[in-house]
Protein backbone atom coordinates (compact mmCIF):
# COMPACT_ATOMS: atom_id res chain seq x y z
CA UNK A 1 31.04 -27.01 -57.23
CA UNK A 2 32.36 -27.23 -53.43
CA UNK A 3 34.99 -29.83 -53.20
CA UNK A 4 35.34 -31.30 -49.76
CA UNK A 5 38.12 -33.11 -48.41
CA UNK A 6 36.51 -36.58 -50.19
CA UNK A 7 37.51 -34.89 -53.82
CA UNK A 8 39.70 -37.94 -54.40
CA UNK A 9 36.41 -40.12 -53.88
CA UNK A 10 34.84 -37.98 -56.19
CA UNK A 11 36.90 -37.89 -59.00
CA UNK A 12 37.42 -41.66 -59.14
CA UNK A 13 33.81 -42.00 -58.74
CA UNK A 14 33.05 -39.90 -61.80
CA UNK A 15 35.70 -41.84 -63.55
CA UNK A 16 33.97 -45.21 -62.61
CA UNK A 17 30.94 -43.61 -64.12
CA UNK A 18 32.54 -42.95 -67.55
CA UNK A 19 33.80 -46.59 -67.24
CA UNK A 20 30.16 -47.83 -66.94
CA UNK A 21 29.23 -46.03 -69.80
CA UNK A 22 32.45 -47.14 -71.72
CA UNK A 23 31.90 -50.73 -70.87
CA UNK A 24 28.19 -50.47 -71.24
CA UNK A 25 28.27 -49.07 -74.92
CA UNK A 26 30.82 -52.00 -75.76
CA UNK A 27 28.04 -54.71 -74.54
CA UNK A 28 25.37 -52.85 -76.23
CA UNK A 29 27.20 -53.37 -79.41
CA UNK A 30 28.09 -57.15 -78.79
CA UNK A 31 26.39 -59.88 -80.42
CA UNK A 32 23.67 -61.50 -78.85
CA UNK A 33 23.31 -65.01 -79.00
CA UNK A 34 20.18 -66.39 -80.50
CA UNK A 35 16.93 -67.41 -78.39
CA UNK A 36 15.45 -70.61 -78.59
CA UNK A 37 11.44 -70.10 -79.46
CA UNK A 38 10.80 -72.11 -75.95
CA UNK A 39 12.53 -69.35 -74.23
CA UNK A 40 10.86 -66.39 -76.05
CA UNK A 41 9.94 -63.50 -73.86
CA UNK A 42 6.21 -62.83 -73.03
CA UNK A 43 4.49 -60.14 -74.91
CA UNK A 44 5.14 -57.27 -73.05
CA UNK A 45 8.88 -57.95 -73.51
CA UNK A 46 11.17 -56.85 -76.78
CA UNK A 47 13.33 -58.06 -78.95
CA UNK A 48 15.40 -54.33 -77.82
CA UNK A 49 15.49 -55.50 -74.20
CA UNK A 50 18.63 -57.77 -74.17
CA UNK A 51 20.44 -54.60 -76.24
CA UNK A 52 18.93 -51.94 -74.50
CA UNK A 53 19.54 -53.38 -70.92
CA UNK A 54 23.19 -52.53 -70.15
CA UNK A 55 22.89 -49.21 -71.60
CA UNK A 56 20.19 -48.76 -69.11
CA UNK A 57 21.91 -49.74 -66.61
CA UNK A 58 24.33 -47.54 -66.96
CA UNK A 59 21.94 -44.43 -67.11
CA UNK A 60 20.52 -45.79 -64.21
CA UNK A 61 23.51 -46.21 -62.15
CA UNK A 62 24.85 -42.41 -63.42
CA UNK A 63 20.83 -41.52 -62.07
CA UNK A 64 21.71 -42.83 -58.67
CA UNK A 65 25.10 -41.29 -58.40
CA UNK A 66 22.46 -38.18 -59.12
CA UNK A 67 24.63 -36.62 -61.87
CA UNK A 68 21.52 -34.29 -62.18
CA UNK A 69 22.93 -32.65 -60.02
CA UNK A 70 25.72 -31.49 -61.31
CA UNK A 71 24.02 -30.12 -64.31
CA UNK A 72 24.13 -33.28 -66.58
CA UNK A 73 20.82 -34.23 -68.34
CA UNK A 74 19.91 -37.93 -68.25
CA UNK A 75 17.24 -39.54 -71.03
CA UNK A 76 14.22 -39.74 -69.15
CA UNK A 77 10.03 -40.75 -69.99
CA UNK A 78 8.57 -38.55 -67.72
CA UNK A 79 4.97 -39.39 -66.94
CA UNK A 80 2.50 -36.47 -67.03
CA UNK A 81 -1.39 -35.67 -66.70
CA UNK A 82 -4.28 -34.34 -65.39
CA UNK A 83 -5.55 -36.11 -62.14
CA UNK A 84 -7.65 -38.91 -62.33
CA UNK A 85 -6.00 -39.07 -65.88
CA UNK A 86 -5.43 -42.58 -65.83
CA UNK A 87 -1.32 -42.55 -65.38
CA UNK A 88 -1.59 -45.21 -62.37
CA UNK A 89 -3.34 -47.61 -64.39
CA UNK A 90 -1.46 -47.25 -67.79
CA UNK A 91 2.09 -47.86 -65.13
CA UNK A 92 0.03 -50.34 -63.25
CA UNK A 93 -0.19 -52.56 -66.96
CA UNK A 94 3.19 -52.11 -67.81
CA UNK A 95 4.74 -53.33 -64.60
CA UNK A 96 1.79 -56.01 -63.46
CA UNK A 97 1.82 -54.80 -59.85
CA UNK A 98 -0.35 -52.29 -58.27
CA UNK A 99 0.01 -48.96 -57.03
CA UNK A 100 -1.67 -46.29 -54.71
CA UNK A 101 -5.29 -45.37 -55.95
CA UNK A 102 -7.79 -43.45 -54.24
CA UNK A 103 -9.63 -40.11 -54.92
CA UNK A 104 -7.37 -36.58 -55.31
CA UNK A 105 -3.49 -37.06 -55.78
CA UNK A 106 -2.09 -40.70 -55.37
CA UNK A 107 1.38 -39.74 -56.74
CA UNK A 108 3.01 -37.21 -53.93
CA UNK A 109 6.51 -37.27 -55.01
CA UNK A 110 8.54 -38.28 -58.53
CA UNK A 111 8.23 -41.87 -58.49
CA UNK A 112 11.31 -43.17 -60.60
CA UNK A 113 9.90 -46.88 -61.81
CA UNK A 114 12.49 -48.90 -63.12
CA UNK A 115 11.43 -51.91 -64.86
CA UNK A 116 13.62 -55.13 -65.28
CA UNK A 117 12.85 -58.28 -67.48
CA UNK A 118 14.50 -61.43 -65.71
CA UNK A 119 13.92 -65.02 -67.11
CA UNK A 120 13.11 -65.90 -63.32
CA UNK A 121 9.25 -66.29 -62.37
CA UNK A 122 10.91 -64.88 -58.92
CA UNK A 123 9.96 -60.95 -58.65
CA UNK A 124 11.70 -58.76 -56.89
CA UNK A 125 10.47 -55.40 -55.80
CA UNK A 126 12.46 -52.69 -53.47
CA UNK A 127 11.98 -48.93 -52.59
CA UNK A 128 14.92 -46.63 -52.70
CA UNK A 129 14.91 -43.12 -50.78
CA UNK A 130 16.33 -40.88 -48.74
CA UNK A 131 19.30 -43.05 -48.97
CA UNK A 132 17.79 -46.43 -47.93
CA UNK A 133 16.70 -49.22 -49.71
CA UNK A 134 13.31 -51.01 -48.32
CA UNK A 135 12.43 -54.69 -49.76
CA UNK A 136 9.07 -55.46 -50.44
CA UNK A 137 6.34 -57.51 -52.36
CA UNK A 138 3.91 -57.37 -55.13
CA UNK A 139 1.00 -57.54 -52.33
CA UNK A 140 2.17 -55.28 -49.88
CA UNK A 141 3.94 -52.64 -52.66
CA UNK A 142 1.43 -50.33 -52.58
CA UNK A 143 0.87 -49.68 -49.12
CA UNK A 144 4.79 -49.71 -48.70
CA UNK A 145 5.21 -46.90 -51.53
CA UNK A 146 2.46 -44.87 -49.48
CA UNK A 147 4.59 -45.22 -46.20
CA UNK A 148 7.82 -43.83 -48.40
CA UNK A 149 5.62 -41.28 -49.96
CA UNK A 150 4.57 -40.29 -46.10
CA UNK A 151 8.14 -40.64 -44.78
CA UNK A 152 9.03 -38.37 -47.48
CA UNK A 153 6.40 -35.77 -47.99
CA UNK A 154 4.44 -35.69 -44.79
CA UNK A 155 1.00 -37.69 -43.32
CA UNK A 156 -0.85 -34.38 -45.06
CA UNK A 157 -1.91 -34.09 -48.78
CA UNK A 158 1.29 -32.04 -49.25
CA UNK A 159 3.31 -33.01 -52.50
CA UNK A 160 7.62 -33.14 -52.71
CA UNK A 161 10.25 -32.82 -55.15
CA UNK A 162 12.22 -35.52 -53.27
CA UNK A 163 11.70 -38.77 -55.77
CA UNK A 164 10.71 -41.98 -54.38
CA UNK A 165 12.48 -45.29 -56.67
CA UNK A 166 10.62 -48.70 -57.41
CA UNK A 167 12.90 -51.35 -58.83
CA UNK A 168 10.58 -54.18 -60.88
CA UNK A 169 12.29 -57.09 -61.52
CA UNK A 170 9.96 -59.34 -62.90
CA UNK A 171 9.58 -61.64 -65.72
CA UNK A 172 7.85 -60.36 -68.60
CA UNK A 173 8.13 -56.20 -67.93
CA UNK A 174 9.52 -54.14 -70.51
CA UNK A 175 12.90 -52.84 -69.67
CA UNK A 176 12.51 -49.25 -69.21
CA UNK A 177 12.91 -46.45 -66.58
CA UNK A 178 10.00 -43.92 -66.12
CA UNK A 179 9.01 -41.05 -63.89
CA UNK A 180 5.62 -40.44 -62.59
CA UNK A 181 4.74 -37.10 -61.36
CA UNK A 182 1.59 -35.91 -59.60
CA UNK A 183 -1.42 -35.25 -61.33
CA UNK A 184 -2.21 -31.91 -62.14
CA UNK A 185 -4.98 -30.50 -60.07
CA UNK A 186 -5.68 -26.82 -60.10
CA UNK A 187 -8.56 -26.30 -56.96
CA UNK A 188 -6.91 -27.63 -53.79
CA UNK A 189 -9.13 -29.76 -51.24
CA UNK A 190 -8.90 -29.87 -47.77
CA UNK A 191 -5.53 -30.45 -46.14
CA UNK A 192 -3.72 -29.39 -49.37
CA UNK A 193 -1.55 -25.84 -49.93
CA UNK A 194 -3.16 -23.09 -51.46
CA UNK A 195 -0.45 -23.38 -54.18
CA UNK A 196 -1.03 -26.86 -54.68
CA UNK A 197 -0.98 -25.78 -58.79
CA UNK A 198 1.76 -23.87 -58.57
CA UNK A 199 4.21 -26.81 -56.67
CA UNK A 200 2.93 -29.19 -59.59
CA UNK A 201 3.65 -27.20 -62.09
CA UNK A 202 6.68 -26.45 -61.36
CA UNK A 203 8.12 -30.19 -60.10
CA UNK A 204 6.65 -31.16 -64.13
CA UNK A 205 7.94 -28.26 -65.63
CA UNK A 206 11.62 -29.57 -64.05
CA UNK A 207 11.34 -32.33 -65.28
CA UNK A 208 10.14 -31.99 -68.75
CA UNK A 209 12.24 -29.06 -69.63
CA UNK A 210 15.34 -30.89 -70.69
CA UNK A 211 15.89 -31.73 -74.07
CA UNK A 212 16.98 -35.25 -73.01
CA UNK A 213 13.50 -35.79 -71.54
CA UNK A 214 10.59 -37.86 -73.40
CA UNK A 215 7.03 -36.62 -72.49
CA UNK A 216 4.57 -39.59 -71.69
CA UNK A 217 1.26 -37.43 -71.66
CA UNK A 218 -1.91 -39.72 -70.52
CA UNK A 219 -5.04 -38.13 -71.76
CA UNK A 220 -8.67 -39.46 -70.95
CA UNK A 221 -10.50 -39.96 -73.56
CA UNK A 222 -13.65 -38.48 -71.89
CA UNK A 223 -12.09 -35.12 -72.75
CA UNK A 224 -11.49 -32.74 -75.40
CA UNK A 225 -7.61 -33.18 -75.52
CA UNK A 226 -6.44 -29.26 -76.36
CA UNK A 227 -8.34 -28.73 -72.67
CA UNK A 228 -5.88 -30.55 -71.20
CA UNK A 229 -3.60 -28.80 -68.22
CA UNK A 230 -1.23 -31.29 -69.25
CA UNK A 231 -0.94 -30.80 -72.89
CA UNK A 232 -0.67 -27.51 -72.05
CA UNK A 233 2.71 -27.59 -69.92
CA UNK A 234 4.06 -30.34 -72.91
CA UNK A 235 3.35 -27.84 -75.80
CA UNK A 236 5.53 -24.97 -73.58
CA UNK A 237 8.59 -27.03 -73.44
CA UNK A 238 8.59 -29.01 -76.60
CA UNK A 239 5.89 -26.69 -79.37
CA UNK A 240 6.57 -29.12 -82.11
CA UNK A 241 5.98 -32.37 -80.16
CA UNK A 242 8.68 -33.87 -81.54
CA UNK A 243 9.57 -35.73 -78.37
CA UNK A 244 5.68 -35.99 -76.75
CA UNK A 245 3.91 -39.27 -76.94
CA UNK A 246 0.11 -39.35 -75.93
CA UNK A 247 -1.73 -42.53 -74.20
CA UNK A 248 -5.01 -42.41 -74.13
CA UNK A 249 -7.01 -43.95 -71.58
CA UNK A 250 -10.58 -45.13 -70.88
CA UNK A 251 -11.05 -45.66 -74.27
CA UNK A 252 -14.03 -48.08 -73.95
CA UNK A 253 -15.60 -45.69 -71.63
CA UNK A 254 -15.98 -42.88 -74.78
CA UNK A 255 -15.03 -44.55 -77.81
CA UNK A 256 -17.11 -41.82 -80.08
CA UNK A 257 -15.05 -39.28 -81.84
CA UNK A 258 -11.76 -41.66 -80.41
CA UNK A 259 -10.16 -42.55 -84.13
CA UNK A 260 -11.16 -38.82 -85.34
CA UNK A 261 -9.70 -37.10 -82.45
CA UNK A 262 -5.94 -39.50 -82.30
CA UNK A 263 -6.15 -38.91 -86.11
CA UNK A 264 -6.98 -35.54 -86.56
CA UNK A 265 -3.66 -34.46 -83.79
CA UNK A 266 -4.96 -31.16 -82.90
CA UNK A 267 -2.62 -30.95 -80.38
CA UNK A 268 0.83 -31.94 -82.18
CA UNK A 269 1.72 -35.18 -80.58
CA UNK A 270 4.67 -36.03 -83.07
CA UNK A 271 5.38 -39.61 -81.74
CA UNK A 272 1.97 -40.21 -82.04
CA UNK A 273 -0.80 -41.86 -79.56
CA UNK A 274 -1.74 -45.23 -77.95
CA UNK A 275 -4.62 -46.17 -77.02
CA UNK A 276 -5.27 -48.63 -74.09
CA UNK A 277 -8.19 -50.25 -72.11
CA UNK A 278 -7.78 -49.73 -67.80
CA UNK A 279 -8.03 -52.52 -65.88
CA UNK A 280 -11.22 -53.03 -64.22
CA UNK A 281 -12.34 -54.47 -60.69
CA UNK A 282 -10.18 -57.67 -60.06
CA UNK A 283 -9.13 -58.65 -63.29
CA UNK A 284 -5.79 -59.85 -63.60
CA UNK A 285 -3.12 -58.58 -65.81
CA UNK A 286 -3.66 -61.10 -67.97
CA UNK A 287 -7.25 -61.17 -68.37
CA UNK A 288 -7.22 -57.35 -68.49
CA UNK A 289 -4.77 -58.19 -72.06
CA UNK A 290 -7.42 -60.60 -73.44
CA UNK A 291 -9.97 -57.72 -72.85
CA UNK A 292 -8.18 -55.14 -74.22
CA UNK A 293 -7.39 -57.26 -77.48
CA UNK A 294 -11.31 -58.22 -77.74
CA UNK A 295 -11.88 -54.47 -77.20
CA UNK A 296 -10.05 -53.20 -80.14
CA UNK A 297 -10.34 -55.74 -82.05
CA UNK A 298 -14.37 -56.02 -82.39
CA UNK A 299 -15.85 -53.38 -81.25
CA UNK A 300 -17.43 -51.37 -84.32
CA UNK A 301 -15.39 -47.79 -83.68
CA UNK A 302 -12.26 -48.78 -81.58
CA UNK A 303 -11.44 -51.51 -84.35
CA UNK A 304 -11.14 -48.71 -86.98
CA UNK A 305 -8.35 -47.52 -85.19
CA UNK A 306 -4.94 -48.61 -86.54
CA UNK A 307 -3.73 -51.78 -84.71
CA UNK A 308 -0.22 -49.81 -84.62
CA UNK A 309 -1.81 -47.05 -82.19
CA UNK A 310 -3.88 -49.46 -80.21
CA UNK A 311 -2.66 -52.15 -76.99
CA UNK A 312 -0.43 -51.91 -73.78
CA UNK A 313 2.14 -54.60 -75.63
CA UNK A 314 2.21 -51.60 -78.19
CA UNK A 315 2.86 -48.77 -76.09
CA UNK A 316 5.87 -51.04 -74.25
CA UNK A 317 7.09 -51.41 -77.30
CA UNK A 318 7.22 -48.04 -78.53
CA UNK A 319 8.51 -46.54 -75.20
CA UNK A 320 11.50 -49.33 -75.50
CA UNK A 321 12.12 -47.87 -78.73
CA UNK A 322 11.93 -44.63 -77.99
CA UNK A 323 14.13 -45.11 -74.74
CA UNK A 324 16.92 -46.70 -76.88
CA UNK A 325 16.93 -44.13 -79.55
CA UNK A 326 16.96 -41.17 -76.93
CA UNK A 327 19.67 -43.13 -74.95
CA UNK A 328 21.87 -43.57 -78.04
CA UNK A 329 21.21 -39.72 -79.01
CA UNK A 330 22.37 -38.44 -75.92
CA UNK A 331 25.02 -41.22 -74.93
CA UNK A 332 28.32 -39.39 -76.63
CA UNK A 333 27.11 -35.63 -75.40
CA UNK A 334 26.99 -37.26 -71.45
CA UNK A 335 30.15 -39.03 -71.76
CA UNK A 336 31.69 -35.94 -73.51
CA UNK A 337 29.94 -33.41 -70.23
CA UNK A 338 31.33 -36.04 -67.82
CA UNK A 339 34.68 -35.85 -69.58
CA UNK A 340 34.51 -32.23 -68.91
CA UNK A 341 33.15 -32.38 -65.35
CA UNK A 342 36.29 -34.58 -64.33
CA UNK A 343 38.61 -32.42 -65.61
CA UNK A 344 36.88 -29.56 -64.38
CA UNK A 345 36.79 -31.29 -60.86
CA UNK A 346 40.58 -32.24 -61.24
CA UNK A 347 41.85 -28.66 -61.94
CA UNK A 348 39.87 -27.21 -59.19
CA UNK A 349 41.57 -30.13 -57.06
CA UNK A 350 44.47 -29.11 -58.26
CA UNK A 351 44.42 -25.65 -57.21
CA UNK A 352 43.86 -27.05 -53.66
CA UNK A 353 46.05 -25.98 -50.97
CA UNK A 354 48.30 -28.73 -50.31
CA UNK A 355 48.87 -30.07 -46.46
CA UNK A 356 51.62 -27.72 -44.42
CA UNK A 357 53.34 -29.95 -41.92
CA UNK A 358 55.88 -27.62 -40.85
CA UNK A 359 56.83 -24.11 -40.59
CA UNK A 360 59.71 -24.39 -43.37
CA UNK A 361 56.39 -25.37 -45.94
CA UNK A 362 53.94 -22.94 -44.41
CA UNK A 363 56.84 -19.78 -44.92
CA UNK A 364 57.47 -21.44 -48.10
CA UNK A 365 53.39 -20.92 -49.48
CA UNK A 366 53.11 -17.48 -47.96
CA UNK A 367 55.76 -16.50 -49.81
CA UNK A 368 54.77 -18.08 -53.09
CA UNK A 369 51.28 -15.81 -52.30
CA UNK A 370 53.15 -12.62 -51.67
CA UNK A 371 55.19 -12.92 -54.85
CA UNK A 372 52.20 -14.41 -56.58
CA UNK A 373 50.56 -11.02 -55.97
CA UNK A 374 53.31 -8.97 -56.54
CA UNK A 375 53.34 -9.81 -59.61
CA UNK A 376 49.68 -9.20 -59.96
CA UNK A 377 50.14 -5.99 -58.74
CA UNK A 378 52.59 -4.77 -61.23
CA UNK A 379 50.53 -6.28 -64.40
CA UNK A 380 47.50 -4.15 -63.16
CA UNK A 381 48.65 -0.99 -61.37
CA UNK A 382 51.70 -0.61 -63.78
CA UNK A 383 51.95 -2.00 -66.93
CA UNK A 384 48.16 -1.95 -67.27
CA UNK A 385 47.08 -5.64 -68.34
CA UNK A 386 44.34 -7.02 -66.39
CA UNK A 387 43.77 -10.64 -68.83
CA UNK A 388 43.45 -12.01 -64.66
CA UNK A 389 40.73 -10.28 -64.40
CA UNK A 390 39.11 -9.49 -67.89
CA UNK A 391 35.51 -8.91 -66.97
CA UNK A 392 35.88 -7.17 -63.58
CA UNK A 393 36.43 -3.02 -65.27
CA UNK A 394 36.80 -2.21 -61.50
CA UNK A 395 40.83 -4.00 -61.71
CA UNK A 396 41.71 -2.22 -65.01
CA UNK A 397 43.79 0.13 -62.99
CA UNK A 398 45.06 1.98 -65.39
CA UNK A 399 41.99 3.43 -67.16
CA UNK A 400 40.64 3.96 -63.79
CA UNK A 401 43.34 6.02 -62.39
CA UNK A 402 43.54 7.96 -66.02
CA UNK A 403 40.00 9.13 -65.23
CA UNK A 404 40.49 9.70 -61.98
CA UNK A 405 43.79 12.28 -62.72
CA UNK A 406 40.92 13.98 -65.76
CA UNK A 407 38.69 14.43 -63.39
CA UNK A 408 41.27 15.97 -61.20
CA UNK A 409 41.98 18.18 -63.71
CA UNK A 410 38.36 18.91 -64.74
CA UNK A 411 37.96 20.31 -60.80
CA UNK A 412 40.64 22.66 -60.85
CA UNK A 413 39.43 24.00 -64.32
CA UNK A 414 35.78 24.51 -63.12
CA UNK A 415 37.46 26.65 -60.10
CA UNK A 416 38.98 28.66 -62.59
CA UNK A 417 36.20 29.11 -64.48
CA UNK A 418 34.29 30.29 -61.41
CA UNK A 419 36.85 32.79 -60.31
CA UNK A 420 36.73 34.51 -63.52
CA UNK A 421 33.04 34.16 -63.99
CA UNK A 422 32.25 36.40 -60.84
CA UNK A 423 30.06 39.63 -61.40
CA UNK A 424 33.01 42.13 -59.30
CA UNK A 425 35.96 40.23 -61.44
CA UNK A 426 39.36 42.05 -60.04
CA UNK A 427 37.81 44.49 -57.87
CA UNK A 428 38.72 42.30 -54.83
CA UNK A 429 41.91 42.50 -56.22
CA UNK A 430 42.13 46.38 -56.80
CA UNK A 431 40.80 46.84 -53.78
CA UNK A 432 43.26 44.61 -51.92
CA UNK A 433 46.00 47.24 -53.91
CA UNK A 434 44.51 50.01 -52.70
CA UNK A 435 44.64 49.04 -48.91
CA UNK A 436 48.53 47.74 -49.39
CA UNK A 437 49.97 51.02 -51.22
CA UNK A 438 52.55 53.00 -49.41
CA UNK A 439 56.10 54.31 -50.06
CA UNK A 440 57.79 52.49 -52.60
CA UNK A 441 58.97 52.02 -56.16
CA UNK A 442 56.31 52.66 -58.98
CA UNK A 443 55.04 50.11 -61.32
CA UNK A 444 55.84 47.51 -58.87
CA UNK A 445 53.00 45.03 -57.02
CA UNK A 446 53.34 44.87 -53.60
CA UNK A 447 54.29 41.86 -51.67
CA UNK A 448 51.76 41.97 -49.44
CA UNK A 449 49.73 42.07 -52.04
CA UNK A 450 50.61 39.50 -53.85
CA UNK A 451 50.84 37.14 -51.29
CA UNK A 452 47.51 38.04 -49.56
CA UNK A 453 45.85 37.30 -53.53
CA UNK A 454 48.50 33.95 -53.78
CA UNK A 455 47.16 32.80 -50.51
CA UNK A 456 43.61 33.37 -51.40
CA UNK A 457 43.61 31.37 -54.68
CA UNK A 458 45.58 28.65 -53.46
CA UNK A 459 42.88 28.27 -50.03
CA UNK A 460 40.65 28.08 -53.05
CA UNK A 461 41.58 24.85 -54.56
CA UNK A 462 43.68 23.35 -51.75
CA UNK A 463 41.09 20.82 -50.65
CA UNK A 464 40.96 19.47 -54.19
CA UNK A 465 44.61 17.63 -54.44
CA UNK A 466 44.10 16.53 -50.67
CA UNK A 467 40.01 14.96 -51.91
CA UNK A 468 42.49 13.37 -54.89
CA UNK A 469 44.89 12.03 -53.41
CA UNK A 470 42.64 10.09 -51.10
CA UNK A 471 40.46 9.23 -53.29
CA UNK A 472 43.30 7.53 -54.97
CA UNK A 473 44.80 6.07 -51.93
CA UNK A 474 41.23 4.15 -51.61
CA UNK A 475 40.76 2.93 -55.01
CA UNK A 476 44.42 1.31 -54.55
CA UNK A 477 43.66 -0.12 -51.14
CA UNK A 478 40.32 -1.94 -52.89
CA UNK A 479 42.55 -3.04 -55.87
CA UNK A 480 45.57 -4.43 -53.65
CA UNK A 481 43.48 -5.91 -51.03
CA UNK A 482 41.35 -7.88 -53.46
CA UNK A 483 44.65 -9.08 -55.24
CA UNK A 484 46.22 -10.36 -51.69
CA UNK A 485 42.63 -12.37 -51.21
CA UNK A 486 42.81 -13.46 -54.08
CA UNK A 487 46.05 -15.29 -53.81
CA UNK A 488 45.36 -16.48 -50.40
CA UNK A 489 41.59 -18.01 -50.50
CA UNK A 490 42.82 -21.40 -50.58
CA UNK A 491 44.02 -20.96 -47.19
CA UNK A 492 41.09 -18.98 -45.04
CA UNK A 493 42.92 -18.87 -41.98
CA UNK A 494 44.65 -16.04 -44.01
CA UNK A 495 42.09 -13.89 -45.44
CA UNK A 496 41.36 -11.92 -41.95
CA UNK A 497 45.57 -11.30 -41.38
CA UNK A 498 45.81 -10.47 -44.83
CA UNK A 499 42.75 -8.16 -44.98
CA UNK A 500 44.13 -6.30 -42.23
CA UNK A 501 47.55 -5.78 -43.07
CA UNK A 502 46.57 -4.44 -46.93
CA UNK A 503 44.30 -2.09 -44.59
CA UNK A 504 47.39 -1.14 -42.39
CA UNK A 505 49.74 -0.53 -45.25
CA UNK A 506 47.60 1.54 -47.32
CA UNK A 507 46.41 3.86 -44.73
CA UNK A 508 49.79 4.26 -43.50
CA UNK A 509 50.65 5.19 -46.94
CA UNK A 510 47.99 7.19 -47.52
CA UNK A 511 48.50 9.30 -44.53
CA UNK A 512 52.23 10.14 -45.84
CA UNK A 513 50.61 10.94 -48.99
CA UNK A 514 48.27 13.54 -47.69
CA UNK A 515 51.28 14.73 -45.00
CA UNK A 516 53.37 15.31 -48.52
CA UNK A 517 50.32 16.96 -50.22
CA UNK A 518 49.45 19.33 -47.90
CA UNK A 519 52.66 20.12 -47.13
CA UNK A 520 53.24 21.27 -50.87
CA UNK A 521 50.26 23.35 -50.54
CA UNK A 522 51.27 25.42 -47.25
CA UNK A 523 54.51 26.16 -49.42
CA UNK A 524 52.07 27.51 -51.85
CA UNK A 525 50.95 29.58 -49.62
CA UNK A 526 54.33 30.99 -47.97
CA UNK A 527 56.21 30.95 -51.14
CA UNK A 528 56.09 34.33 -53.23
CA UNK A 529 56.56 33.34 -56.21
CA UNK A 530 54.25 32.38 -59.23
CA UNK A 531 53.92 30.22 -62.44
CA UNK A 532 51.66 32.52 -64.10
CA UNK A 533 52.76 31.73 -68.02
CA UNK A 534 51.57 35.60 -68.87
CA UNK A 535 53.44 36.58 -65.80
CA UNK A 536 56.55 34.42 -66.98
CA UNK A 537 56.72 35.12 -70.65
CA UNK A 538 56.75 39.35 -70.37
CA UNK A 539 59.67 38.75 -67.34
CA UNK A 540 61.60 36.52 -69.78
CA UNK A 541 61.31 39.29 -72.68
CA UNK A 542 62.39 42.13 -70.18
CA UNK A 543 65.35 40.28 -69.12
CA UNK A 544 66.50 39.30 -72.61
CA UNK A 545 66.77 43.28 -73.24
CA UNK A 546 68.98 43.32 -69.98
CA UNK A 547 72.39 43.21 -71.74
CA UNK A 548 71.12 45.86 -74.11
CA UNK A 549 69.97 48.25 -71.02
CA UNK A 550 72.95 47.79 -69.32
CA UNK A 551 75.26 48.84 -72.15
CA UNK A 552 73.57 52.10 -72.91
CA UNK A 553 73.44 52.90 -69.14
CA UNK A 554 77.11 52.59 -68.83
CA UNK A 555 77.53 54.20 -72.58
CA UNK A 556 77.54 58.22 -71.39
CA UNK A 557 77.59 59.43 -74.69
CA UNK A 558 74.92 57.60 -75.95
CA UNK A 559 71.01 58.69 -76.49
CA UNK A 560 69.29 59.62 -73.60
CA UNK A 561 66.45 58.04 -75.28
CA UNK A 562 66.14 54.18 -75.28
CA UNK A 563 63.18 52.62 -76.51
CA UNK A 564 61.61 49.29 -76.10
CA UNK A 565 59.22 47.14 -77.09
CA UNK A 566 57.42 46.90 -73.72
CA UNK A 567 58.03 50.45 -72.88
CA UNK A 568 56.86 53.32 -74.64
CA UNK A 569 59.97 55.17 -73.79
CA UNK A 570 62.15 55.62 -71.30
CA UNK A 571 64.08 58.86 -70.33
CA UNK A 572 67.55 59.08 -68.46
CA UNK A 573 69.39 61.86 -67.17
CA UNK A 574 73.14 62.17 -67.95
């Protein structure tokens, strides 16, 4: 998460969010005054409204603050359904207002409907989208939603994931917050993108995937439920159906077999079914509710369905109860996540560089960076501690340097084995001895031959130590640069200078090391000595007999034959 100069405002905002939740919880749990019989709410409202309203207001405020963008999921009732399944009719019946209707996709953006019951007979409607609020009324709300949708998703038939909020404050509506999503269609019509199905699927899955979401699946009684695409989508994320409620529309159009459909539950709807009748023609919402009640009371087939599974009032009551349950369940976790986010933001804020107003403060900050970087380099390069970089294997320096050293030793060993495995082993050396023979002491290797063999062997391996030193310094350069950049990341103006200074320093040290190594190699070429262990052991054994040899040489009465372990016999003339 990027913290700008408004970090303090973000922190206070998070604190306000927590206070909102705590205040709402206390208000929801406080005792309520009894309502007189004359002031009983209309049928669609529920006794839960007075208790759930504070919590719902808190959740709506959090939604308005876009906490979901920070990875904090909120309890949401998500309305899904195939195209023309009757989603808009169900929402109209709950809200008591008219929504856009027509052929094809009517809902082209996620529509967040916030229904709020109020005792006043005055109805208040307004839209919130793209950072602005537009007031409207019942007669023009459908047109206002259409214009807002065009502003968000364009004038065509495409869709958008940017939400449009509709706030309905009206007497008699249940206190609910629902998200109506575009209807599912597989075949694009003229003016729609070819991947319209994939776009709609992605939006739907985004909203129904979180465990905090309640899926309100709208099904038409005229189709087989298992064939509905909305059922298939909800089963992907809710296999047991424990957070899915089904609403069966158009019950009056296909009453045959509906009882068997909702009781058999072939598609695993855990929260149950509610059958409703859509408003027809110019019926008022009150008239539609009366007709619905008569239909499920007197119809020879539909009257057999349990009364707890029919009617818009039953649907409203179930939704309010389910919403209250999910909010109560999720609220403590939401508070915890907000607290964790607040602590994380505060920690990140405290790590931000303070304002430097003078050269002294700038130098102090710079020296702190250098001091911290030095300590980190001591830890990773000298002490082999990598607690600052536990998951970055490249920063486990002692292990990586040991690997390089082992690889260097292996390369030298390979060159020795390759030399000894030659077909004409020692033939070159024998030929060289033949070319360098001359007048000299017997059994002594000519110095020219020794130097020639030595220089040839040194030349064969001379590139290996140079490559090793270069490789080590390249690695150290990466480590030093990484550590310095890590400690100066809060000062962007320093980054380029830090990288350049580190590179120049490492190049200088690398050059000095390479010069020293090449100097040592050149000394090996020019110096006529050897560190061969066999040669040194032989020489030491011979030199250990030097005193006894000189004693006999100086004693003229001794035997003229001296036997050594390493000389079969030496005849001396006296």
